[in-house]
Protein backbone atom coordinates (compact mmCIF):
# COMPACT_ATOMS: atom_id res chain seq x y z
CA MET A 1 -11.62 0.26 5.39
CA THR A 2 -7.74 2.71 5.55
CA ASP A 3 -6.67 4.41 1.59
CA TYR A 4 -3.42 3.39 1.71
CA SER A 5 -2.74 4.99 -1.43
CA ALA A 6 -1.38 8.31 0.66
CA LEU A 7 2.05 6.97 -0.20
CA LEU A 8 2.90 7.36 -3.23
CA GLY A 9 1.80 11.15 -2.79
CA PRO A 10 4.74 13.88 -0.89
CA ASP A 11 3.98 12.83 2.23
CA ARG A 12 4.74 9.71 1.61
CA TYR A 13 7.50 8.70 4.14
CA ASP A 14 6.06 10.11 7.19
CA PHE A 15 2.28 8.22 6.97
CA ALA A 16 4.42 4.85 6.39
CA VAL A 17 6.39 6.15 9.51
CA ARG A 18 3.23 5.69 11.07
CA LEU A 19 1.73 2.65 9.57
CA ALA A 20 5.59 1.49 10.77
CA THR A 21 5.13 2.55 14.47
CA GLN A 22 1.55 0.78 14.63
CA TYR A 23 2.75 -2.41 12.44
CA HIS A 24 6.31 -2.04 14.10
CA LEU A 25 7.57 -2.39 11.59
CA ASP A 26 10.67 -0.35 10.21
CA PRO A 27 9.14 2.04 7.21
CA SER A 28 11.05 0.86 4.40
CA GLN A 29 9.24 -2.30 5.25
CA VAL A 30 5.80 -0.50 4.95
CA LEU A 31 6.81 0.94 1.62
CA PHE A 32 8.17 -1.16 -0.21
CA GLY A 33 5.29 -3.44 0.95
CA TYR A 34 2.93 -1.35 -0.56
CA LEU A 35 5.07 -1.35 -3.82
CA GLN A 36 5.43 -4.76 -4.13
CA VAL A 37 1.29 -4.54 -3.26
CA VAL A 38 0.85 -2.75 -6.53
CA SER A 39 2.63 -3.85 -8.78
CA GLU A 40 1.31 -7.80 -7.88
CA VAL A 41 -1.83 -6.03 -8.35
CA SER A 42 -1.85 -3.34 -10.73
CA ASP A 43 0.02 -6.20 -13.11
CA THR A 44 -2.11 -8.00 -15.81
CA ASP A 45 -2.47 -7.79 -19.56
CA GLN A 46 -4.02 -4.69 -19.33
CA PRO A 47 -2.43 -2.96 -16.61
CA GLY A 48 -5.11 -0.60 -14.84
CA ASP A 49 -5.12 3.08 -13.77
CA ILE A 50 -3.79 3.28 -10.36
CA HIS A 51 -6.89 6.27 -9.44
CA ASP A 52 -9.71 4.07 -11.06
CA PRO A 53 -11.79 3.96 -7.66
CA LYS A 54 -11.83 0.10 -8.34
CA LEU A 55 -8.40 -1.08 -8.36
CA VAL A 56 -6.90 1.12 -5.21
CA LYS A 57 -10.08 -0.30 -3.74
CA VAL A 58 -8.02 -4.38 -4.25
CA ILE A 59 -4.88 -2.07 -3.35
CA ASN A 60 -6.14 -0.94 -0.41
CA GLU A 61 -7.70 -4.66 0.67
CA GLN A 62 -4.52 -6.39 -0.24
CA PHE A 63 -2.12 -4.14 1.09
CA ASP A 64 -4.09 -3.81 4.46
CA HIS A 65 -3.70 -7.34 4.65
CA PHE A 66 0.10 -7.19 4.13
CA LEU A 67 -0.05 -5.08 6.85
CA LYS A 68 -1.84 -7.52 9.86
CA GLN A 69 -0.26 -10.32 8.27
CA ARG A 70 2.87 -8.87 9.20
CA HIS A 71 1.83 -8.18 12.89
């Protein structure tokens, strides 16, 4: 499973461009989609730390599904 957390880091645009090319999307779609998944996953009564390995795993799985659904 790919770790997409780099989309929150300083090199996010370069990573988004690579993913966009791979999945035939615009980089803005990749960035917005990732932020949307992070927001949905962490929007609970008790939000977790987005660096928690369990939460990162769920975010990665759901974002991977987002990318493949758009492909």
